[in-house]
N, C-alpha and C. Protein backbone atom coordinates (compact mmCIF):
# COMPACT_ATOMS: atom_id res chain seq x y z
N MET A 1 -94.45 122.57 -51.80
CA MET A 1 -93.11 122.95 -52.24
C MET A 1 -92.84 122.31 -53.61
N SER A 2 -91.88 122.86 -54.29
CA SER A 2 -91.52 122.31 -55.59
C SER A 2 -90.03 122.50 -55.82
N ARG A 3 -89.57 121.97 -56.93
CA ARG A 3 -88.16 122.11 -57.28
C ARG A 3 -87.88 123.45 -57.96
N ASP A 4 -88.74 124.39 -57.80
CA ASP A 4 -88.54 125.72 -58.36
C ASP A 4 -87.44 126.41 -57.55
N VAL A 5 -86.20 126.33 -58.05
CA VAL A 5 -85.04 126.84 -57.31
C VAL A 5 -85.16 128.33 -57.09
N ALA A 6 -85.71 129.06 -58.05
CA ALA A 6 -85.89 130.50 -57.87
C ALA A 6 -86.78 130.77 -56.66
N GLN A 7 -87.84 129.97 -56.48
CA GLN A 7 -88.72 130.14 -55.32
C GLN A 7 -88.01 129.78 -54.03
N VAL A 8 -87.19 128.74 -54.06
CA VAL A 8 -86.42 128.35 -52.87
C VAL A 8 -85.57 129.54 -52.40
N PHE A 9 -84.86 130.16 -53.32
CA PHE A 9 -83.99 131.28 -52.92
C PHE A 9 -84.79 132.53 -52.59
N ALA A 10 -85.93 132.73 -53.22
CA ALA A 10 -86.81 133.85 -52.84
C ALA A 10 -87.30 133.67 -51.40
N ASP A 11 -87.60 132.43 -51.02
CA ASP A 11 -88.03 132.18 -49.64
C ASP A 11 -86.90 132.42 -48.65
N ILE A 12 -85.67 132.13 -49.04
CA ILE A 12 -84.53 132.43 -48.18
C ILE A 12 -84.41 133.95 -48.04
N ASP A 13 -84.56 134.66 -49.14
CA ASP A 13 -84.45 136.11 -49.11
C ASP A 13 -85.54 136.77 -48.27
N ALA A 14 -86.62 136.04 -48.01
CA ALA A 14 -87.68 136.54 -47.13
C ALA A 14 -87.18 136.65 -45.69
N PHE A 15 -86.00 136.06 -45.42
CA PHE A 15 -85.33 136.19 -44.12
C PHE A 15 -86.15 135.53 -43.01
N ASP A 16 -86.75 134.40 -43.36
CA ASP A 16 -87.62 133.66 -42.44
C ASP A 16 -87.14 132.22 -42.37
N PRO A 17 -86.51 131.81 -41.25
CA PRO A 17 -85.99 130.44 -41.14
C PRO A 17 -87.05 129.36 -41.37
N ASP A 18 -88.31 129.65 -41.03
CA ASP A 18 -89.36 128.65 -41.23
C ASP A 18 -89.62 128.42 -42.72
N LYS A 19 -89.58 129.49 -43.52
CA LYS A 19 -89.72 129.32 -44.97
C LYS A 19 -88.55 128.53 -45.53
N PHE A 20 -87.35 128.78 -44.98
CA PHE A 20 -86.16 128.06 -45.42
C PHE A 20 -86.34 126.56 -45.22
N VAL A 21 -86.68 126.15 -44.00
CA VAL A 21 -86.74 124.70 -43.71
C VAL A 21 -87.96 124.02 -44.32
N ALA A 22 -88.95 124.79 -44.78
CA ALA A 22 -90.10 124.18 -45.44
C ALA A 22 -89.70 123.48 -46.73
N HIS A 23 -88.53 123.79 -47.26
CA HIS A 23 -88.04 123.17 -48.49
C HIS A 23 -87.23 121.89 -48.21
N LEU A 24 -87.11 121.50 -46.95
CA LEU A 24 -86.24 120.38 -46.58
C LEU A 24 -87.03 119.14 -46.17
N THR A 25 -86.43 117.97 -46.40
CA THR A 25 -86.98 116.74 -45.84
C THR A 25 -86.77 116.80 -44.32
N PRO A 26 -87.55 116.06 -43.55
CA PRO A 26 -87.39 116.10 -42.09
C PRO A 26 -85.98 115.74 -41.61
N ASP A 27 -85.29 114.88 -42.36
CA ASP A 27 -83.96 114.42 -41.94
C ASP A 27 -82.84 115.02 -42.79
N ALA A 28 -83.09 116.17 -43.38
CA ALA A 28 -82.14 116.78 -44.31
C ALA A 28 -80.77 117.02 -43.67
N GLN A 29 -79.75 116.87 -44.50
CA GLN A 29 -78.37 117.22 -44.14
C GLN A 29 -78.11 118.61 -44.71
N PHE A 30 -77.45 119.47 -43.92
CA PHE A 30 -77.22 120.84 -44.36
C PHE A 30 -75.84 121.29 -43.89
N ARG A 31 -75.11 121.91 -44.82
CA ARG A 31 -73.81 122.48 -44.46
C ARG A 31 -73.66 123.83 -45.13
N PHE A 32 -73.36 124.85 -44.32
CA PHE A 32 -73.16 126.20 -44.80
C PHE A 32 -71.70 126.58 -44.63
N ALA A 33 -71.05 126.83 -45.76
CA ALA A 33 -69.63 127.27 -45.76
C ALA A 33 -68.79 126.26 -44.98
N ASN A 34 -67.98 126.76 -44.05
CA ASN A 34 -67.10 125.86 -43.31
C ASN A 34 -67.68 125.48 -41.94
N ALA A 35 -68.97 125.75 -41.72
CA ALA A 35 -69.61 125.35 -40.46
C ALA A 35 -69.80 123.83 -40.45
N ASP A 36 -69.95 123.30 -39.26
CA ASP A 36 -70.23 121.88 -39.13
C ASP A 36 -71.58 121.55 -39.76
N PRO A 37 -71.70 120.39 -40.39
CA PRO A 37 -72.99 120.00 -40.94
C PRO A 37 -74.02 119.80 -39.83
N VAL A 38 -75.27 120.02 -40.16
CA VAL A 38 -76.36 119.76 -39.22
C VAL A 38 -77.38 118.87 -39.91
N THR A 39 -78.17 118.17 -39.10
CA THR A 39 -79.14 117.22 -39.62
C THR A 39 -80.52 117.50 -39.04
N GLY A 40 -81.51 117.53 -39.89
CA GLY A 40 -82.89 117.69 -39.47
C GLY A 40 -83.36 119.13 -39.51
N ARG A 41 -84.66 119.30 -39.74
CA ARG A 41 -85.22 120.64 -39.89
C ARG A 41 -84.97 121.53 -38.67
N ALA A 42 -85.14 121.00 -37.48
CA ALA A 42 -84.98 121.82 -36.27
C ALA A 42 -83.55 122.35 -36.17
N ALA A 43 -82.57 121.49 -36.42
CA ALA A 43 -81.17 121.91 -36.34
C ALA A 43 -80.83 122.90 -37.44
N VAL A 44 -81.37 122.69 -38.63
CA VAL A 44 -81.13 123.62 -39.74
C VAL A 44 -81.77 124.96 -39.42
N ARG A 45 -82.99 124.93 -38.89
CA ARG A 45 -83.67 126.18 -38.54
C ARG A 45 -82.85 126.97 -37.53
N GLU A 46 -82.33 126.29 -36.53
CA GLU A 46 -81.52 126.94 -35.51
C GLU A 46 -80.25 127.56 -36.12
N ALA A 47 -79.59 126.82 -37.00
CA ALA A 47 -78.37 127.32 -37.64
C ALA A 47 -78.67 128.53 -38.52
N VAL A 48 -79.73 128.44 -39.30
CA VAL A 48 -80.10 129.53 -40.20
C VAL A 48 -80.52 130.77 -39.39
N ALA A 49 -81.30 130.57 -38.34
CA ALA A 49 -81.72 131.70 -37.51
C ALA A 49 -80.51 132.38 -36.87
N GLY A 50 -79.53 131.59 -36.45
CA GLY A 50 -78.31 132.16 -35.88
C GLY A 50 -77.55 132.99 -36.89
N PHE A 51 -77.46 132.50 -38.12
CA PHE A 51 -76.78 133.27 -39.16
C PHE A 51 -77.56 134.53 -39.50
N PHE A 52 -78.87 134.40 -39.65
CA PHE A 52 -79.70 135.57 -39.96
C PHE A 52 -79.55 136.65 -38.90
N ALA A 53 -79.37 136.26 -37.65
CA ALA A 53 -79.22 137.25 -36.57
C ALA A 53 -77.94 138.07 -36.73
N SER A 54 -76.98 137.56 -37.51
CA SER A 54 -75.69 138.25 -37.65
C SER A 54 -75.66 139.23 -38.83
N ILE A 55 -76.74 139.27 -39.61
CA ILE A 55 -76.82 140.16 -40.78
C ILE A 55 -78.18 140.86 -40.76
N ASP A 56 -78.35 141.84 -41.65
CA ASP A 56 -79.63 142.54 -41.73
C ASP A 56 -80.48 142.10 -42.93
N GLY A 57 -79.96 141.25 -43.79
CA GLY A 57 -80.73 140.75 -44.91
C GLY A 57 -79.83 140.22 -46.00
N LEU A 58 -80.44 139.62 -47.00
CA LEU A 58 -79.69 139.05 -48.11
C LEU A 58 -80.57 138.93 -49.33
N THR A 59 -79.93 138.92 -50.49
CA THR A 59 -80.62 138.72 -51.76
C THR A 59 -79.76 137.82 -52.63
N HIS A 60 -80.39 136.78 -53.16
CA HIS A 60 -79.70 135.85 -54.05
C HIS A 60 -79.93 136.26 -55.50
N HIS A 61 -78.84 136.41 -56.24
CA HIS A 61 -78.90 136.71 -57.67
C HIS A 61 -78.42 135.45 -58.39
N ILE A 62 -79.37 134.68 -58.90
CA ILE A 62 -79.05 133.40 -59.54
C ILE A 62 -78.44 133.67 -60.91
N ARG A 63 -77.25 133.12 -61.12
CA ARG A 63 -76.56 133.29 -62.40
C ARG A 63 -76.81 132.10 -63.33
N ASN A 64 -76.69 130.89 -62.80
CA ASN A 64 -76.89 129.67 -63.58
C ASN A 64 -77.44 128.58 -62.68
N VAL A 65 -78.21 127.68 -63.26
CA VAL A 65 -78.71 126.50 -62.57
C VAL A 65 -78.45 125.30 -63.47
N TYR A 66 -77.85 124.27 -62.90
CA TYR A 66 -77.54 123.04 -63.63
C TYR A 66 -78.24 121.89 -62.92
N GLU A 67 -78.88 121.02 -63.69
CA GLU A 67 -79.59 119.89 -63.11
C GLU A 67 -79.08 118.59 -63.70
N ALA A 68 -78.93 117.59 -62.84
CA ALA A 68 -78.57 116.24 -63.24
C ALA A 68 -79.31 115.28 -62.32
N GLY A 69 -80.36 114.67 -62.82
CA GLY A 69 -81.16 113.77 -61.99
C GLY A 69 -81.78 114.55 -60.83
N ASP A 70 -81.53 114.08 -59.61
CA ASP A 70 -82.08 114.72 -58.41
C ASP A 70 -81.19 115.83 -57.87
N THR A 71 -80.10 116.13 -58.56
CA THR A 71 -79.14 117.12 -58.07
C THR A 71 -79.23 118.41 -58.87
N VAL A 72 -79.26 119.52 -58.14
CA VAL A 72 -79.27 120.84 -58.74
C VAL A 72 -78.06 121.61 -58.20
N VAL A 73 -77.31 122.22 -59.10
CA VAL A 73 -76.20 123.09 -58.71
C VAL A 73 -76.59 124.50 -59.14
N ALA A 74 -76.56 125.42 -58.18
CA ALA A 74 -76.90 126.81 -58.47
C ALA A 74 -75.68 127.69 -58.27
N GLN A 75 -75.34 128.45 -59.29
CA GLN A 75 -74.26 129.43 -59.22
C GLN A 75 -74.94 130.77 -58.92
N ILE A 76 -74.53 131.41 -57.82
CA ILE A 76 -75.26 132.56 -57.31
C ILE A 76 -74.30 133.64 -56.83
N ASP A 77 -74.70 134.89 -56.99
CA ASP A 77 -74.05 135.99 -56.29
C ASP A 77 -75.00 136.37 -55.15
N VAL A 78 -74.49 136.34 -53.93
CA VAL A 78 -75.32 136.65 -52.77
C VAL A 78 -74.96 138.03 -52.26
N GLU A 79 -75.95 138.89 -52.22
CA GLU A 79 -75.78 140.24 -51.70
C GLU A 79 -76.23 140.25 -50.24
N TYR A 80 -75.30 140.55 -49.36
CA TYR A 80 -75.60 140.58 -47.92
C TYR A 80 -75.70 142.03 -47.45
N ARG A 81 -76.69 142.29 -46.62
CA ARG A 81 -76.80 143.58 -45.94
C ARG A 81 -76.26 143.39 -44.53
N ARG A 82 -75.17 144.07 -44.28
CA ARG A 82 -74.47 143.93 -43.00
C ARG A 82 -75.13 144.77 -41.92
N LYS A 83 -74.77 144.50 -40.68
CA LYS A 83 -75.30 145.24 -39.53
C LYS A 83 -74.87 146.70 -39.55
N ASP A 84 -73.76 147.03 -40.23
CA ASP A 84 -73.30 148.42 -40.29
C ASP A 84 -73.94 149.20 -41.44
N GLY A 85 -74.90 148.58 -42.14
CA GLY A 85 -75.60 149.25 -43.22
C GLY A 85 -74.97 149.08 -44.58
N LYS A 86 -73.77 148.56 -44.64
CA LYS A 86 -73.10 148.34 -45.92
C LYS A 86 -73.59 147.03 -46.55
N THR A 87 -73.37 146.92 -47.86
CA THR A 87 -73.68 145.67 -48.55
C THR A 87 -72.40 145.10 -49.14
N VAL A 88 -72.37 143.80 -49.23
CA VAL A 88 -71.25 143.11 -49.86
C VAL A 88 -71.84 141.93 -50.65
N THR A 89 -71.30 141.71 -51.83
CA THR A 89 -71.77 140.62 -52.68
C THR A 89 -70.65 139.61 -52.85
N VAL A 90 -70.96 138.35 -52.61
CA VAL A 90 -69.97 137.29 -52.74
C VAL A 90 -70.53 136.16 -53.61
N PRO A 91 -69.65 135.52 -54.39
CA PRO A 91 -70.09 134.40 -55.22
C PRO A 91 -70.22 133.13 -54.38
N ASN A 92 -71.14 132.28 -54.79
CA ASN A 92 -71.24 130.99 -54.13
C ASN A 92 -71.83 129.95 -55.07
N ALA A 93 -71.73 128.70 -54.64
CA ALA A 93 -72.36 127.59 -55.35
C ALA A 93 -73.10 126.74 -54.32
N ASP A 94 -74.33 126.42 -54.63
CA ASP A 94 -75.14 125.55 -53.79
C ASP A 94 -75.36 124.25 -54.54
N ILE A 95 -75.24 123.15 -53.81
CA ILE A 95 -75.57 121.84 -54.36
C ILE A 95 -76.74 121.31 -53.55
N LEU A 96 -77.85 121.10 -54.22
CA LEU A 96 -79.07 120.63 -53.58
C LEU A 96 -79.42 119.26 -54.16
N VAL A 97 -79.58 118.28 -53.31
CA VAL A 97 -80.01 116.95 -53.74
C VAL A 97 -81.44 116.77 -53.25
N PHE A 98 -82.33 116.55 -54.20
CA PHE A 98 -83.75 116.47 -53.89
C PHE A 98 -84.20 115.03 -53.64
N ASP A 99 -85.22 114.91 -52.82
CA ASP A 99 -85.99 113.69 -52.63
C ASP A 99 -87.43 114.10 -52.93
N GLY A 100 -87.89 113.83 -54.12
CA GLY A 100 -89.17 114.38 -54.55
C GLY A 100 -89.03 115.88 -54.74
N ASP A 101 -89.92 116.64 -54.08
CA ASP A 101 -89.88 118.10 -54.19
C ASP A 101 -89.09 118.77 -53.07
N LEU A 102 -88.56 117.97 -52.13
CA LEU A 102 -87.85 118.53 -50.98
C LEU A 102 -86.36 118.22 -51.05
N VAL A 103 -85.57 119.09 -50.45
CA VAL A 103 -84.12 118.92 -50.44
C VAL A 103 -83.73 118.02 -49.28
N ARG A 104 -82.96 116.97 -49.57
CA ARG A 104 -82.49 116.08 -48.50
C ARG A 104 -81.03 116.29 -48.16
N ASP A 105 -80.29 116.96 -49.06
CA ASP A 105 -78.88 117.25 -48.80
C ASP A 105 -78.57 118.59 -49.46
N TRP A 106 -78.07 119.55 -48.66
CA TRP A 106 -77.82 120.90 -49.16
C TRP A 106 -76.44 121.34 -48.70
N GLN A 107 -75.57 121.57 -49.65
CA GLN A 107 -74.20 122.02 -49.38
C GLN A 107 -74.03 123.41 -49.98
N ILE A 108 -73.58 124.36 -49.17
CA ILE A 108 -73.38 125.73 -49.64
C ILE A 108 -71.89 126.04 -49.58
N TYR A 109 -71.32 126.32 -50.73
CA TYR A 109 -69.89 126.63 -50.82
C TYR A 109 -69.74 128.14 -51.02
N ILE A 110 -69.27 128.79 -49.96
CA ILE A 110 -69.18 130.25 -49.96
C ILE A 110 -68.14 130.69 -48.93
N ASP A 111 -67.52 131.82 -49.19
CA ASP A 111 -66.62 132.45 -48.22
C ASP A 111 -67.34 133.67 -47.67
N VAL A 112 -67.82 133.58 -46.43
CA VAL A 112 -68.56 134.69 -45.84
C VAL A 112 -67.66 135.69 -45.10
N ALA A 113 -66.35 135.49 -45.14
CA ALA A 113 -65.44 136.41 -44.45
C ALA A 113 -65.68 137.86 -44.86
N PRO A 114 -65.92 138.17 -46.15
CA PRO A 114 -66.15 139.57 -46.52
C PRO A 114 -67.40 140.18 -45.86
N VAL A 115 -68.34 139.34 -45.47
CA VAL A 115 -69.55 139.84 -44.83
C VAL A 115 -69.23 140.45 -43.47
N TYR A 116 -68.21 139.92 -42.82
CA TYR A 116 -67.86 140.36 -41.47
C TYR A 116 -66.60 141.22 -41.43
N ALA A 117 -65.98 141.49 -42.60
CA ALA A 117 -64.73 142.26 -42.64
C ALA A 117 -64.96 143.73 -42.34
């Protein structure tokens, strides 16, 4: 794995929870939107798999990436494919704190209400 943020989001777009957690430290902290934070790869995998089950796919369109030390902030438009066949795109910001090449803290700031509206 590497700090290649484009690759991180491409692996998420592959819609495979195992690819997602391969970018995390074993004890990573993860919070998606207003969900409760989870800790550790297994818990993150379970949370991500649960979310993936509620949609038919997603694509991240990276607009900007800002780096400061071990912290990366990504400004992204996320295109979601809903279960009804429609797509909706919502803006978000991800804050990833790295430990080496792996993410140890990942906060996703997004309003997913339009995905389910």
